[in-house]
């Protein structure tokens, strides 16, 4: 699984509608409204790198009101669940 984090500048008066339209794209798992330089952050998950071209410039960038995007590709994922499992390896409840 390939994860891309897409920062989105959006027309400020249309952020909720733009977020909903981006969320409707199949490869988009979540969209967050954020503070700072960008208005939204979209999490895109695909199986192949080639699919990113279909999803990001092919669909997400074409959502009316999307003004600019910056895409970051994740090369490793860390999550609370993964870290808890790693630290629990070999430990016995009797400790």
C-alpha atoms as a PDB file:
ATOM      1  CA  UNK A   1       0.000   0.000   0.000  1.00  0.00           C
ATOM      2  CA  UNK A   2       1.332   3.429  -0.961  1.00  0.00           C
ATOM      3  CA  UNK A   3       0.215   6.400   1.132  1.00  0.00           C
ATOM      4  CA  UNK A   4       0.310   9.969  -0.110  1.00  0.00           C
ATOM      5  CA  UNK A   5      -0.373  12.935   2.137  1.00  0.00           C
ATOM      6  CA  UNK A   6      -1.828  15.733   0.014  1.00  0.00           C
ATOM      7  CA  UNK A   7      -1.909  19.289   1.356  1.00  0.00           C
ATOM      8  CA  UNK A   8      -4.683  21.252  -0.329  1.00  0.00           C
ATOM      9  CA  UNK A   9      -5.214  25.003  -0.672  1.00  0.00           C
ATOM     10  CA  UNK A  10      -8.896  25.557  -1.259  1.00  0.00           C
ATOM     11  CA  UNK A  11     -11.321  28.378  -1.881  1.00  0.00           C
ATOM     12  CA  UNK A  12     -12.002  29.407   1.718  1.00  0.00           C
ATOM     13  CA  UNK A  13     -15.725  29.953   1.237  1.00  0.00           C
ATOM     14  CA  UNK A  14     -16.143  26.387  -0.112  1.00  0.00           C
ATOM     15  CA  UNK A  15     -13.947  24.278   2.205  1.00  0.00           C
ATOM     16  CA  UNK A  16     -16.721  21.941   3.461  1.00  0.00           C
ATOM     17  CA  UNK A  17     -17.979  21.207  -0.081  1.00  0.00           C
ATOM     18  CA  UNK A  18     -14.449  20.710  -1.397  1.00  0.00           C
ATOM     19  CA  UNK A  19     -13.603  18.360   1.488  1.00  0.00           C
ATOM     20  CA  UNK A  20     -16.734  16.297   0.767  1.00  0.00           C
ATOM     21  CA  UNK A  21     -15.902  16.111  -2.957  1.00  0.00           C
ATOM     22  CA  UNK A  22     -12.342  14.976  -2.196  1.00  0.00           C
ATOM     23  CA  UNK A  23     -13.621  12.401   0.313  1.00  0.00           C
ATOM     24  CA  UNK A  24     -15.837  10.933  -2.444  1.00  0.00           C
ATOM     25  CA  UNK A  25     -12.728   9.947  -4.458  1.00  0.00           C
ATOM     26  CA  UNK A  26     -12.229   6.184  -4.024  1.00  0.00           C
ATOM     27  CA  UNK A  27      -8.535   6.239  -3.056  1.00  0.00           C
ATOM     28  CA  UNK A  28      -9.008   8.998  -0.471  1.00  0.00           C
ATOM     29  CA  UNK A  29      -9.357   7.502   3.009  1.00  0.00           C
ATOM     30  CA  UNK A  30      -9.634  10.717   5.048  1.00  0.00           C
ATOM     31  CA  UNK A  31      -9.713  14.483   4.664  1.00  0.00           C
ATOM     32  CA  UNK A  32      -8.811  16.825   7.515  1.00  0.00           C
ATOM     33  CA  UNK A  33      -9.544  20.527   7.818  1.00  0.00           C
ATOM     34  CA  UNK A  34      -6.360  22.085   9.218  1.00  0.00           C
ATOM     35  CA  UNK A  35      -4.845  25.387  10.250  1.00  0.00           C
ATOM     36  CA  UNK A  36      -1.782  26.899   8.647  1.00  0.00           C
ATOM     37  CA  UNK A  37      -0.641  27.421   5.071  1.00  0.00           C
ATOM     38  CA  UNK A  38      -3.014  24.757   3.689  1.00  0.00           C
ATOM     39  CA  UNK A  39      -6.722  24.321   4.307  1.00  0.00           C
ATOM     40  CA  UNK A  40      -7.130  20.556   3.953  1.00  0.00           C
ATOM     41  CA  UNK A  41      -5.003  17.432   4.221  1.00  0.00           C
ATOM     42  CA  UNK A  42      -6.118  14.373   2.250  1.00  0.00           C
ATOM     43  CA  UNK A  43      -4.819  10.853   2.869  1.00  0.00           C
ATOM     44  CA  UNK A  44      -4.575   8.916  -0.390  1.00  0.00           C
ATOM     45  CA  UNK A  45      -3.933   5.165  -0.366  1.00  0.00           C
ATOM     46  CA  UNK A  46      -3.229   3.198  -3.561  1.00  0.00           C
ATOM     47  CA  UNK A  47      -1.627  -0.131  -4.476  1.00  0.00           C
ATOM     48  CA  UNK A  48       0.625   1.116  -7.318  1.00  0.00           C
ATOM     49  CA  UNK A  49       2.538   4.368  -7.822  1.00  0.00           C
ATOM     50  CA  UNK A  50       0.912   4.804 -11.230  1.00  0.00           C
ATOM     51  CA  UNK A  51      -2.468   5.120  -9.534  1.00  0.00           C
ATOM     52  CA  UNK A  52      -1.314   8.317  -7.817  1.00  0.00           C
ATOM     53  CA  UNK A  53      -1.341  10.073 -11.198  1.00  0.00           C
ATOM     54  CA  UNK A  54      -4.958   9.037 -11.739  1.00  0.00           C
ATOM     55  CA  UNK A  55      -6.041  10.129  -8.272  1.00  0.00           C
ATOM     56  CA  UNK A  56      -4.109  13.323  -7.491  1.00  0.00           C
ATOM     57  CA  UNK A  57      -3.633  15.286 -10.735  1.00  0.00           C
ATOM     58  CA  UNK A  58      -6.353  13.284 -12.484  1.00  0.00           C
ATOM     59  CA  UNK A  59      -9.179  13.770  -9.973  1.00  0.00           C
ATOM     60  CA  UNK A  60      -8.292  15.584  -6.740  1.00  0.00           C
ATOM     61  CA  UNK A  61      -6.694  18.600  -8.432  1.00  0.00           C
ATOM     62  CA  UNK A  62      -9.746  18.918 -10.681  1.00  0.00           C
ATOM     63  CA  UNK A  63     -12.222  19.315  -7.818  1.00  0.00           C
ATOM     64  CA  UNK A  64     -13.755  22.788  -8.245  1.00  0.00           C
ATOM     65  CA  UNK A  65     -12.262  25.120  -5.636  1.00  0.00           C
ATOM     66  CA  UNK A  66      -8.938  23.279  -5.253  1.00  0.00           C
ATOM     67  CA  UNK A  67      -6.350  26.009  -5.850  1.00  0.00           C
ATOM     68  CA  UNK A  68      -3.050  24.212  -5.181  1.00  0.00           C
ATOM     69  CA  UNK A  69      -1.731  20.930  -3.810  1.00  0.00           C
ATOM     70  CA  UNK A  70       1.543  19.657  -2.383  1.00  0.00           C
ATOM     71  CA  UNK A  71       1.975  15.884  -2.252  1.00  0.00           C
ATOM     72  CA  UNK A  72       4.195  13.929   0.125  1.00  0.00           C
ATOM     73  CA  UNK A  73       4.735  10.185  -0.334  1.00  0.00           C
ATOM     74  CA  UNK A  74       5.110   8.143   2.862  1.00  0.00           C
ATOM     75  CA  UNK A  75       7.881   5.546   2.813  1.00  0.00           C
ATOM     76  CA  UNK A  76       7.199   4.120   6.267  1.00  0.00           C
ATOM     77  CA  UNK A  77       4.151   4.165   8.531  1.00  0.00           C
ATOM     78  CA  UNK A  78       4.214   4.319  12.311  1.00  0.00           C
ATOM     79  CA  UNK A  79       1.032   4.044  14.315  1.00  0.00           C
ATOM     80  CA  UNK A  80       0.185   3.712  17.984  1.00  0.00           C
ATOM     81  CA  UNK A  81      -1.114   0.203  17.320  1.00  0.00           C
ATOM     82  CA  UNK A  82       2.142  -0.846  15.595  1.00  0.00           C
ATOM     83  CA  UNK A  83       4.311   0.610  18.360  1.00  0.00           C
ATOM     84  CA  UNK A  84       2.292  -1.059  21.135  1.00  0.00           C
ATOM     85  CA  UNK A  85       2.554  -4.415  19.344  1.00  0.00           C
ATOM     86  CA  UNK A  86       6.319  -4.019  18.885  1.00  0.00           C
ATOM     87  CA  UNK A  87       6.898  -3.264  22.571  1.00  0.00           C
ATOM     88  CA  UNK A  88       4.629  -6.123  23.654  1.00  0.00           C
ATOM     89  CA  UNK A  89       6.603  -8.801  21.772  1.00  0.00           C
ATOM     90  CA  UNK A  90       7.985 -11.348  24.194  1.00  0.00           C
ATOM     91  CA  UNK A  91       6.414  -9.794  27.261  1.00  0.00           C
ATOM     92  CA  UNK A  92       4.379 -11.956  29.568  1.00  0.00           C
ATOM     93  CA  UNK A  93       1.344 -10.709  31.506  1.00  0.00           C
ATOM     94  CA  UNK A  94       3.021 -12.066  34.655  1.00  0.00           C
ATOM     95  CA  UNK A  95       5.663  -9.342  34.605  1.00  0.00           C
END
